[in-house]
Amino acid sequence: MPSEGKDSQSLQRALTLLSCFSFEKPEWGVTELALKLNEHKSVIHRILTTLLNAEFLRQDPVTKKYRLGLKFFELGMIAAEDMQLRKVAYPIMVDLHEKTGETVMLLVAEGRECLCIDKVQSQEGIQCTSRIGKRTPLHVGFSKALLAYLPEPKIKETVMGGLQKFTDRTVTDPAILLQQLDEIRKNGYVITCGEMDEGSMCVGVPIKGYSGFVVGALSVVGPEFRMRPKISNTLALALQAAQTISRYMGYNGDVSDKDGDAVQITNINTR
């Protein structure tokens, strides 16, 4: 539609304008941006005002020139944390894989989905395969280790936005899912069976960053027949791994003192 085309054009202009800021040229005035981009000053001023109000830009009160704002710093810290998370987590994931023999995945929340950003694949003949970049809905399986710790409005948006059914074990009742999320926050982990794929079983545990917020999750996934006999020990190892990663990420809060011994399973949906 015409309005969509106009909005897209305005967005492209704003992105082009922002790309002008660099280490060599961190500060711009309205006139020089208009000349640089071959646009009318009124158009440039309108874009700058929008970006300024949204805190993507800041304006020097004396020179009236513009610089990148704190919003970019915040977004950059989020991106840097994700990249740091992969670097820190990988050797610990390898160790967890060697101790469990199963596939280990590193997960982050993105919108209403869980995104796999790294993995160590099981070498067993029968394995639960996945891939880096794969997305799964937040209400299914190990993804709930992320959903449980999102801000309340995000949880409500996901839970009330329609829960797709994948197997007979997929939870599609909002009330039951909310109860499960409470249980996950209480216990600090989730264990599920066959919610996304029949015959699979997984453990999901959250990872915290320096701020104390959950920045990702670890999951150990394998066939139910192989996972079930060792689920307590696998859970203890996953908790220990997540705690180690959290410490490397700067989290200094209380952590579980699990030492790799079997733990008592009190979670839900392990039938």
C-alpha atoms as a PDB file:
ATOM      1  CA  MET A   1       0.000   0.000   0.000  1.00  0.00           C
ATOM      2  CA  PRO A   2       1.157   3.614  -0.521  1.00  0.00           C
ATOM      3  CA  SER A   3       1.504   4.337   3.221  1.00  0.00           C
ATOM      4  CA  GLU A   4       3.665   1.230   3.688  1.00  0.00           C
ATOM      5  CA  GLY A   5       5.938   2.348   0.852  1.00  0.00           C
ATOM      6  CA  LYS A   6       6.257   5.808   2.358  1.00  0.00           C
ATOM      7  CA  ASP A   7       7.049   4.369   5.800  1.00  0.00           C
ATOM      8  CA  SER A   8       9.688   2.097   4.268  1.00  0.00           C
ATOM      9  CA  GLN A   9      11.252   5.038   2.453  1.00  0.00           C
ATOM     10  CA  SER A  10      11.357   7.087   5.664  1.00  0.00           C
ATOM     11  CA  LEU A  11      12.988   4.209   7.522  1.00  0.00           C
ATOM     12  CA  GLN A  12      15.590   3.809   4.803  1.00  0.00           C
ATOM     13  CA  ARG A  13      16.388   7.523   4.979  1.00  0.00           C
ATOM     14  CA  ALA A  14      16.826   7.304   8.745  1.00  0.00           C
ATOM     15  CA  LEU A  15      19.130   4.276   8.469  1.00  0.00           C
ATOM     16  CA  THR A  16      21.178   5.974   5.763  1.00  0.00           C
ATOM     17  CA  LEU A  17      21.475   9.051   7.947  1.00  0.00           C
ATOM     18  CA  LEU A  18      22.616   7.018  10.950  1.00  0.00           C
ATOM     19  CA  SER A  19      25.276   5.267   8.868  1.00  0.00           C
ATOM     20  CA  CYS A  20      26.958   8.660   8.377  1.00  0.00           C
ATOM     21  CA  PHE A  21      28.114   8.650  11.999  1.00  0.00           C
ATOM     22  CA  SER A  22      31.568   7.124  12.432  1.00  0.00           C
ATOM     23  CA  PHE A  23      34.740   7.318  14.523  1.00  0.00           C
ATOM     24  CA  GLU A  24      36.172   9.716  11.953  1.00  0.00           C
ATOM     25  CA  LYS A  25      33.025  11.844  11.854  1.00  0.00           C
ATOM     26  CA  PRO A  26      31.007  11.334  15.089  1.00  0.00           C
ATOM     27  CA  GLU A  27      29.184  14.691  14.955  1.00  0.00           C
ATOM     28  CA  TRP A  28      26.959  16.182  12.242  1.00  0.00           C
ATOM     29  CA  GLY A  29      24.910  19.325  11.718  1.00  0.00           C
ATOM     30  CA  VAL A  30      21.639  19.579   9.798  1.00  0.00           C
ATOM     31  CA  THR A  31      23.123  21.457   6.833  1.00  0.00           C
ATOM     32  CA  GLU A  32      26.102  19.154   6.308  1.00  0.00           C
ATOM     33  CA  LEU A  33      23.889  16.055   6.543  1.00  0.00           C
ATOM     34  CA  ALA A  34      21.524  17.532   3.967  1.00  0.00           C
ATOM     35  CA  LEU A  35      24.470  18.137   1.622  1.00  0.00           C
ATOM     36  CA  LYS A  36      25.949  14.706   2.302  1.00  0.00           C
ATOM     37  CA  LEU A  37      22.675  12.894   1.609  1.00  0.00           C
ATOM     38  CA  ASN A  38      21.389  15.286  -1.066  1.00  0.00           C
ATOM     39  CA  GLU A  39      18.167  15.874   0.875  1.00  0.00           C
ATOM     40  CA  HIS A  40      16.231  18.998   1.840  1.00  0.00           C
ATOM     41  CA  LYS A  41      17.115  20.403   5.255  1.00  0.00           C
ATOM     42  CA  SER A  42      13.482  20.094   6.342  1.00  0.00           C
ATOM     43  CA  VAL A  43      13.558  16.333   5.660  1.00  0.00           C
ATOM     44  CA  ILE A  44      16.829  15.898   7.561  1.00  0.00           C
ATOM     45  CA  HIS A  45      15.585  17.982  10.459  1.00  0.00           C
ATOM     46  CA  ARG A  46      12.406  15.903  10.723  1.00  0.00           C
ATOM     47  CA  ILE A  47      14.398  12.636  10.825  1.00  0.00           C
ATOM     48  CA  LEU A  48      16.857  14.047  13.367  1.00  0.00           C
ATOM     49  CA  THR A  49      14.031  15.219  15.620  1.00  0.00           C
ATOM     50  CA  THR A  50      12.417  11.765  15.569  1.00  0.00           C
ATOM     51  CA  LEU A  51      15.717  10.047  16.406  1.00  0.00           C
ATOM     52  CA  LEU A  52      16.475  12.614  19.106  1.00  0.00           C
ATOM     53  CA  ASN A  53      13.108  12.085  20.802  1.00  0.00           C
ATOM     54  CA  ALA A  54      13.693   8.308  20.758  1.00  0.00           C
ATOM     55  CA  GLU A  55      17.162   8.801  22.333  1.00  0.00           C
ATOM     56  CA  PHE A  56      18.982   7.363  19.318  1.00  0.00           C
ATOM     57  CA  LEU A  57      20.673  10.754  18.955  1.00  0.00           C
ATOM     58  CA  ARG A  58      21.716  13.543  21.324  1.00  0.00           C
ATOM     59  CA  GLN A  59      22.311  17.200  20.508  1.00  0.00           C
ATOM     60  CA  ASP A  60      25.121  19.414  21.720  1.00  0.00           C
ATOM     61  CA  PRO A  61      23.421  22.385  23.438  1.00  0.00           C
ATOM     62  CA  VAL A  62      26.095  24.808  22.202  1.00  0.00           C
ATOM     63  CA  THR A  63      26.973  23.700  18.654  1.00  0.00           C
ATOM     64  CA  LYS A  64      23.500  22.200  18.008  1.00  0.00           C
ATOM     65  CA  LYS A  65      25.199  19.307  16.231  1.00  0.00           C
ATOM     66  CA  TYR A  66      24.088  15.706  16.677  1.00  0.00           C
ATOM     67  CA  ARG A  67      25.881  12.609  17.995  1.00  0.00           C
ATOM     68  CA  LEU A  68      24.770   9.014  18.543  1.00  0.00           C
ATOM     69  CA  GLY A  69      22.689   8.648  21.705  1.00  0.00           C
ATOM     70  CA  LEU A  70      22.646   6.311  24.687  1.00  0.00           C
ATOM     71  CA  LYS A  71      20.111   4.018  23.033  1.00  0.00           C
ATOM     72  CA  PHE A  72      22.865   2.769  20.721  1.00  0.00           C
ATOM     73  CA  PHE A  73      25.083   2.133  23.732  1.00  0.00           C
ATOM     74  CA  GLU A  74      22.342   0.041  25.331  1.00  0.00           C
ATOM     75  CA  LEU A  75      21.758  -1.943  22.134  1.00  0.00           C
ATOM     76  CA  GLY A  76      25.482  -2.408  21.677  1.00  0.00           C
ATOM     77  CA  MET A  77      25.808  -3.831  25.178  1.00  0.00           C
ATOM     78  CA  ILE A  78      23.054  -6.344  24.397  1.00  0.00           C
ATOM     79  CA  ALA A  79      24.778  -7.420  21.188  1.00  0.00           C
ATOM     80  CA  ALA A  80      28.144  -7.623  22.931  1.00  0.00           C
ATOM     81  CA  GLU A  81      26.667  -9.715  25.711  1.00  0.00           C
ATOM     82  CA  ASP A  82      25.295 -12.231  23.203  1.00  0.00           C
ATOM     83  CA  MET A  83      28.690 -12.505  21.482  1.00  0.00           C
ATOM     84  CA  GLN A  84      30.487 -12.796  24.814  1.00  0.00           C
ATOM     85  CA  LEU A  85      27.988 -15.455  25.889  1.00  0.00           C
ATOM     86  CA  ARG A  86      28.952 -17.729  22.986  1.00  0.00           C
ATOM     87  CA  LYS A  87      32.674 -17.295  23.651  1.00  0.00           C
ATOM     88  CA  VAL A  88      32.345 -18.002  27.363  1.00  0.00           C
ATOM     89  CA  ALA A  89      29.849 -20.849  27.049  1.00  0.00           C
ATOM     90  CA  TYR A  90      31.414 -23.007  24.339  1.00  0.00           C
ATOM     91  CA  PRO A  91      34.176 -24.786  26.311  1.00  0.00           C
ATOM     92  CA  ILE A  92      31.739 -25.393  29.163  1.00  0.00           C
ATOM     93  CA  MET A  93      29.224 -26.804  26.670  1.00  0.00           C
ATOM     94  CA  VAL A  94      31.893 -29.172  25.336  1.00  0.00           C
ATOM     95  CA  ASP A  95      32.590 -30.382  28.876  1.00  0.00           C
ATOM     96  CA  LEU A  96      28.863 -30.840  29.541  1.00  0.00           C
ATOM     97  CA  HIS A  97      28.506 -32.815  26.310  1.00  0.00           C
ATOM     98  CA  GLU A  98      31.431 -35.075  27.234  1.00  0.00           C
ATOM     99  CA  LYS A  99      29.912 -35.777  30.647  1.00  0.00           C
ATOM    100  CA  THR A 100      26.374 -36.451  29.375  1.00  0.00           C
ATOM    101  CA  GLY A 101      26.974 -37.779  25.861  1.00  0.00           C
ATOM    102  CA  GLU A 102      24.011 -35.752  24.601  1.00  0.00           C
ATOM    103  CA  THR A 103      23.468 -32.667  22.449  1.00  0.00           C
ATOM    104  CA  VAL A 104      24.044 -29.389  24.303  1.00  0.00           C
ATOM    105  CA  MET A 105      22.543 -26.147  23.002  1.00  0.00           C
ATOM    106  CA  LEU A 106      22.983 -22.472  23.882  1.00  0.00           C
ATOM    107  CA  LEU A 107      19.758 -20.498  23.579  1.00  0.00           C
ATOM    108  CA  VAL A 108      18.565 -16.891  23.686  1.00  0.00           C
ATOM    109  CA  ALA A 109      15.098 -15.354  23.485  1.00  0.00           C
ATOM    110  CA  GLU A 110      14.213 -13.325  20.396  1.00  0.00           C
ATOM    111  CA  GLY A 111      10.671 -12.012  20.147  1.00  0.00           C
ATOM    112  CA  ARG A 112       8.271 -14.884  20.770  1.00  0.00           C
ATOM    113  CA  GLU A 113      10.882 -17.449  19.810  1.00  0.00           C
ATOM    114  CA  CYS A 114      13.914 -19.217  21.215  1.00  0.00           C
ATOM    115  CA  LEU A 115      17.020 -19.026  19.020  1.00  0.00           C
ATOM    116  CA  CYS A 116      19.832 -21.599  19.120  1.00  0.00           C
ATOM    117  CA  ILE A 117      23.098 -19.626  18.874  1.00  0.00           C
ATOM    118  CA  ASP A 118      25.535 -22.506  19.458  1.00  0.00           C
ATOM    119  CA  LYS A 119      25.555 -26.264  20.011  1.00  0.00           C
ATOM    120  CA  VAL A 120      27.711 -29.329  20.604  1.00  0.00           C
ATOM    121  CA  GLN A 121      26.167 -32.294  18.812  1.00  0.00           C
ATOM    122  CA  SER A 122      25.838 -35.774  20.319  1.00  0.00           C
ATOM    123  CA  GLN A 123      27.841 -38.495  18.589  1.00  0.00           C
ATOM    124  CA  GLU A 124      25.449 -41.288  19.589  1.00  0.00           C
ATOM    125  CA  GLY A 125      23.840 -43.373  16.841  1.00  0.00           C
ATOM    126  CA  ILE A 126      20.388 -42.119  17.813  1.00  0.00           C
ATOM    127  CA  GLN A 127      20.381 -38.408  18.567  1.00  0.00           C
ATOM    128  CA  CYS A 128      18.128 -35.392  18.706  1.00  0.00           C
ATOM    129  CA  THR A 129      19.474 -33.121  16.005  1.00  0.00           C
ATOM    130  CA  SER A 130      19.228 -29.363  15.825  1.00  0.00           C
ATOM    131  CA  ARG A 131      21.145 -26.587  14.145  1.00  0.00           C
ATOM    132  CA  ILE A 132      22.581 -23.211  14.996  1.00  0.00           C
ATOM    133  CA  GLY A 133      20.044 -20.582  13.960  1.00  0.00           C
ATOM    134  CA  LYS A 134      17.035 -22.823  14.532  1.00  0.00           C
ATOM    135  CA  ARG A 135      14.069 -21.128  16.151  1.00  0.00           C
ATOM    136  CA  THR A 136      11.422 -22.721  18.358  1.00  0.00           C
ATOM    137  CA  PRO A 137       8.368 -21.157  20.013  1.00  0.00           C
ATOM    138  CA  LEU A 138       8.996 -20.008  23.573  1.00  0.00           C
ATOM    139  CA  HIS A 139       6.123 -22.071  24.993  1.00  0.00           C
ATOM    140  CA  VAL A 140       7.588 -25.427  23.961  1.00  0.00           C
ATOM    141  CA  GLY A 141      10.149 -27.678  25.677  1.00  0.00           C
ATOM    142  CA  PHE A 142      13.488 -26.231  26.806  1.00  0.00           C
ATOM    143  CA  SER A 143      12.449 -22.789  25.503  1.00  0.00           C
ATOM    144  CA  LYS A 144      10.373 -22.357  28.644  1.00  0.00           C
ATOM    145  CA  ALA A 145      13.631 -21.896  30.584  1.00  0.00           C
ATOM    146  CA  LEU A 146      13.762 -18.509  28.813  1.00  0.00           C
ATOM    147  CA  LEU A 147      10.060 -17.664  28.736  1.00  0.00           C
ATOM    148  CA  ALA A 148       9.751 -18.031  32.513  1.00  0.00           C
ATOM    149  CA  TYR A 149      12.200 -15.175  33.124  1.00  0.00           C
ATOM    150  CA  LEU A 150      10.954 -12.639  30.585  1.00  0.00           C
ATOM    151  CA  PRO A 151       9.235  -9.443  31.826  1.00  0.00           C
ATOM    152  CA  GLU A 152       5.612 -10.022  32.737  1.00  0.00           C
ATOM    153  CA  PRO A 153       4.182  -8.170  29.688  1.00  0.00           C
ATOM    154  CA  LYS A 154       6.303 -10.344  27.357  1.00  0.00           C
ATOM    155  CA  ILE A 155       5.139 -13.514  29.099  1.00  0.00           C
ATOM    156  CA  LYS A 156       1.514 -12.422  28.815  1.00  0.00           C
ATOM    157  CA  GLU A 157       1.971 -11.521  25.142  1.00  0.00           C
ATOM    158  CA  THR A 158       3.407 -14.971  24.404  1.00  0.00           C
ATOM    159  CA  VAL A 159       0.993 -17.002  26.502  1.00  0.00           C
ATOM    160  CA  MET A 160      -2.125 -15.184  25.295  1.00  0.00           C
ATOM    161  CA  GLY A 161      -0.957 -14.894  21.680  1.00  0.00           C
ATOM    162  CA  GLY A 162      -1.925 -18.434  20.712  1.00  0.00           C
ATOM    163  CA  LEU A 163      -0.073 -21.625  21.664  1.00  0.00           C
ATOM    164  CA  GLN A 164       0.662 -23.871  18.684  1.00  0.00           C
ATOM    165  CA  LYS A 165       0.338 -27.611  19.235  1.00  0.00           C
ATOM    166  CA  PHE A 166       3.169 -29.852  17.961  1.00  0.00           C
ATOM    167  CA  THR A 167       2.527 -33.150  19.783  1.00  0.00           C
ATOM    168  CA  ASP A 168       0.028 -34.555  22.260  1.00  0.00           C
ATOM    169  CA  ARG A 169       2.336 -33.309  25.029  1.00  0.00           C
ATOM    170  CA  THR A 170       2.504 -29.682  23.861  1.00  0.00           C
ATOM    171  CA  VAL A 171       0.943 -27.391  26.459  1.00  0.00           C
ATOM    172  CA  THR A 172      -1.697 -25.215  24.796  1.00  0.00           C
ATOM    173  CA  ASP A 173      -3.719 -24.172  27.854  1.00  0.00           C
ATOM    174  CA  PRO A 174      -2.551 -20.701  29.012  1.00  0.00           C
ATOM    175  CA  ALA A 175      -3.450 -21.399  32.653  1.00  0.00           C
ATOM    176  CA  ILE A 176      -1.392 -24.605  32.734  1.00  0.00           C
ATOM    177  CA  LEU A 177       1.543 -22.927  30.998  1.00  0.00           C
ATOM    178  CA  LEU A 178       1.544 -20.039  33.489  1.00  0.00           C
ATOM    179  CA  GLN A 179       1.527 -22.562  36.327  1.00  0.00           C
ATOM    180  CA  GLN A 180       4.484 -24.334  34.747  1.00  0.00           C
ATOM    181  CA  LEU A 181       6.403 -21.058  34.388  1.00  0.00           C
ATOM    182  CA  ASP A 182       5.887 -20.392  38.111  1.00  0.00           C
ATOM    183  CA  GLU A 183       7.290 -23.856  38.815  1.00  0.00           C
ATOM    184  CA  ILE A 184      10.323 -23.195  36.602  1.00  0.00           C
ATOM    185  CA  ARG A 185      11.129 -19.958  38.432  1.00  0.00           C
ATOM    186  CA  LYS A 186      10.745 -21.772  41.755  1.00  0.00           C
ATOM    187  CA  ASN A 187      13.008 -24.690  40.799  1.00  0.00           C
ATOM    188  CA  GLY A 188      15.421 -22.933  38.442  1.00  0.00           C
ATOM    189  CA  TYR A 189      15.104 -25.437  35.616  1.00  0.00           C
ATOM    190  CA  VAL A 190      12.663 -27.209  33.308  1.00  0.00           C
ATOM    191  CA  ILE A 191      12.443 -30.838  32.180  1.00  0.00           C
ATOM    192  CA  THR A 192      10.096 -31.794  29.355  1.00  0.00           C
ATOM    193  CA  CYS A 193       9.329 -34.834  27.234  1.00  0.00           C
ATOM    194  CA  GLY A 194       8.159 -34.823  23.627  1.00  0.00           C
ATOM    195  CA  GLU A 195       6.625 -31.345  23.569  1.00  0.00           C
ATOM    196  CA  MET A 196       8.241 -30.446  20.255  1.00  0.00           C
ATOM    197  CA  ASP A 197       9.369 -33.830  18.934  1.00  0.00           C
ATOM    198  CA  GLU A 198       7.986 -37.216  19.912  1.00  0.00           C
ATOM    199  CA  GLY A 199      10.443 -39.383  21.822  1.00  0.00           C
ATOM    200  CA  SER A 200      12.770 -36.568  22.926  1.00  0.00           C
ATOM    201  CA  MET A 201      13.568 -35.423  26.452  1.00  0.00           C
ATOM    202  CA  CYS A 202      15.352 -32.257  27.495  1.00  0.00           C
ATOM    203  CA  VAL A 203      16.668 -30.235  30.391  1.00  0.00           C
ATOM    204  CA  GLY A 204      16.661 -26.438  30.232  1.00  0.00           C
ATOM    205  CA  VAL A 205      18.465 -24.157  32.717  1.00  0.00           C
ATOM    206  CA  PRO A 206      18.774 -20.343  32.666  1.00  0.00           C
ATOM    207  CA  ILE A 207      22.015 -18.349  32.471  1.00  0.00           C
ATOM    208  CA  LYS A 208      22.306 -14.964  34.187  1.00  0.00           C
ATOM    209  CA  GLY A 209      24.427 -11.972  33.233  1.00  0.00           C
ATOM    210  CA  TYR A 210      26.151  -9.329  35.346  1.00  0.00           C
ATOM    211  CA  SER A 211      22.863  -7.457  35.762  1.00  0.00           C
ATOM    212  CA  GLY A 212      21.181 -10.472  37.349  1.00  0.00           C
ATOM    213  CA  PHE A 213      18.795 -10.885  34.429  1.00  0.00           C
ATOM    214  CA  VAL A 214      18.575 -14.100  32.432  1.00  0.00           C
ATOM    215  CA  VAL A 215      20.611 -13.661  29.224  1.00  0.00           C
ATOM    216  CA  GLY A 216      20.290 -17.161  27.816  1.00  0.00           C
ATOM    217  CA  ALA A 217      19.800 -20.818  28.618  1.00  0.00           C
ATOM    218  CA  LEU A 218      21.545 -24.165  28.315  1.00  0.00           C
ATOM    219  CA  SER A 219      19.727 -27.269  27.171  1.00  0.00           C
ATOM    220  CA  VAL A 220      20.709 -30.926  27.110  1.00  0.00           C
ATOM    221  CA  VAL A 221      18.583 -32.878  24.644  1.00  0.00           C
ATOM    222  CA  GLY A 222      18.421 -36.576  23.781  1.00  0.00           C
ATOM    223  CA  PRO A 223      16.099 -39.527  23.157  1.00  0.00           C
ATOM    224  CA  GLU A 224      13.822 -40.166  26.127  1.00  0.00           C
ATOM    225  CA  PHE A 225      14.896 -43.815  26.477  1.00  0.00           C
ATOM    226  CA  ARG A 226      18.496 -42.694  27.005  1.00  0.00           C
ATOM    227  CA  MET A 227      17.858 -39.493  28.951  1.00  0.00           C
ATOM    228  CA  ARG A 228      15.357 -40.761  31.515  1.00  0.00           C
ATOM    229  CA  PRO A 229      17.702 -43.135  33.440  1.00  0.00           C
ATOM    230  CA  LYS A 230      20.295 -40.363  33.885  1.00  0.00           C
ATOM    231  CA  ILE A 231      18.016 -37.341  34.127  1.00  0.00           C
ATOM    232  CA  SER A 232      18.910 -36.385  37.727  1.00  0.00           C
ATOM    233  CA  ASN A 233      22.642 -36.438  37.065  1.00  0.00           C
ATOM    234  CA  THR A 234      22.180 -34.638  33.725  1.00  0.00           C
ATOM    235  CA  LEU A 235      20.177 -31.925  35.464  1.00  0.00           C
ATOM    236  CA  ALA A 236      22.843 -31.468  38.143  1.00  0.00           C
ATOM    237  CA  LEU A 237      25.580 -31.179  35.505  1.00  0.00           C
ATOM    238  CA  ALA A 238      23.515 -28.692  33.460  1.00  0.00           C
ATOM    239  CA  LEU A 239      22.852 -26.548  36.537  1.00  0.00           C
ATOM    240  CA  GLN A 240      26.533 -26.564  37.396  1.00  0.00           C
ATOM    241  CA  ALA A 241      27.476 -25.588  33.827  1.00  0.00           C
ATOM    242  CA  ALA A 242      24.933 -22.755  33.739  1.00  0.00           C
ATOM    243  CA  GLN A 243      26.186 -21.454  37.080  1.00  0.00           C
ATOM    244  CA  THR A 244      29.779 -21.468  35.821  1.00  0.00           C
ATOM    245  CA  ILE A 245      28.816 -19.552  32.670  1.00  0.00           C
ATOM    246  CA  SER A 246      26.806 -17.077  34.756  1.00  0.00           C
ATOM    247  CA  ARG A 247      29.841 -16.353  36.920  1.00  0.00           C
ATOM    248  CA  TYR A 248      32.007 -15.768  33.849  1.00  0.00           C
ATOM    249  CA  MET A 249      29.310 -13.414  32.566  1.00  0.00           C
ATOM    250  CA  GLY A 250      29.696 -11.355  35.740  1.00  0.00           C
ATOM    251  CA  TYR A 251      26.783 -12.656  37.814  1.00  0.00           C
ATOM    252  CA  ASN A 252      27.745 -12.504  41.491  1.00  0.00           C
ATOM    253  CA  GLY A 253      24.458 -13.478  43.099  1.00  0.00           C
ATOM    254  CA  ASP A 254      23.666 -16.630  45.004  1.00  0.00           C
ATOM    255  CA  VAL A 255      24.109 -19.741  42.922  1.00  0.00           C
ATOM    256  CA  SER A 256      23.146 -23.348  43.509  1.00  0.00           C
ATOM    257  CA  ASP A 257      25.739 -25.512  45.220  1.00  0.00           C
ATOM    258  CA  LYS A 258      25.029 -28.512  42.997  1.00  0.00           C
ATOM    259  CA  ASP A 259      28.248 -30.472  42.612  1.00  0.00           C
ATOM    260  CA  GLY A 260      27.291 -32.935  39.901  1.00  0.00           C
ATOM    261  CA  ASP A 261      25.638 -35.455  42.206  1.00  0.00           C
ATOM    262  CA  ALA A 262      22.076 -36.568  41.500  1.00  0.00           C
ATOM    263  CA  VAL A 263      19.407 -34.044  42.470  1.00  0.00           C
ATOM    264  CA  GLN A 264      15.807 -34.569  43.414  1.00  0.00           C
ATOM    265  CA  ILE A 265      13.513 -33.957  40.450  1.00  0.00           C
ATOM    266  CA  THR A 266      10.562 -31.811  41.510  1.00  0.00           C
ATOM    267  CA  ASN A 267       9.668 -30.319  38.133  1.00  0.00           C
ATOM    268  CA  ILE A 268       6.754 -30.828  35.823  1.00  0.00           C
ATOM    269  CA  ASN A 269       5.924 -32.678  32.643  1.00  0.00           C
ATOM    270  CA  THR A 270       8.364 -35.594  32.915  1.00  0.00           C
ATOM    271  CA  ARG A 271       5.695 -38.193  32.290  1.00  0.00           C
END
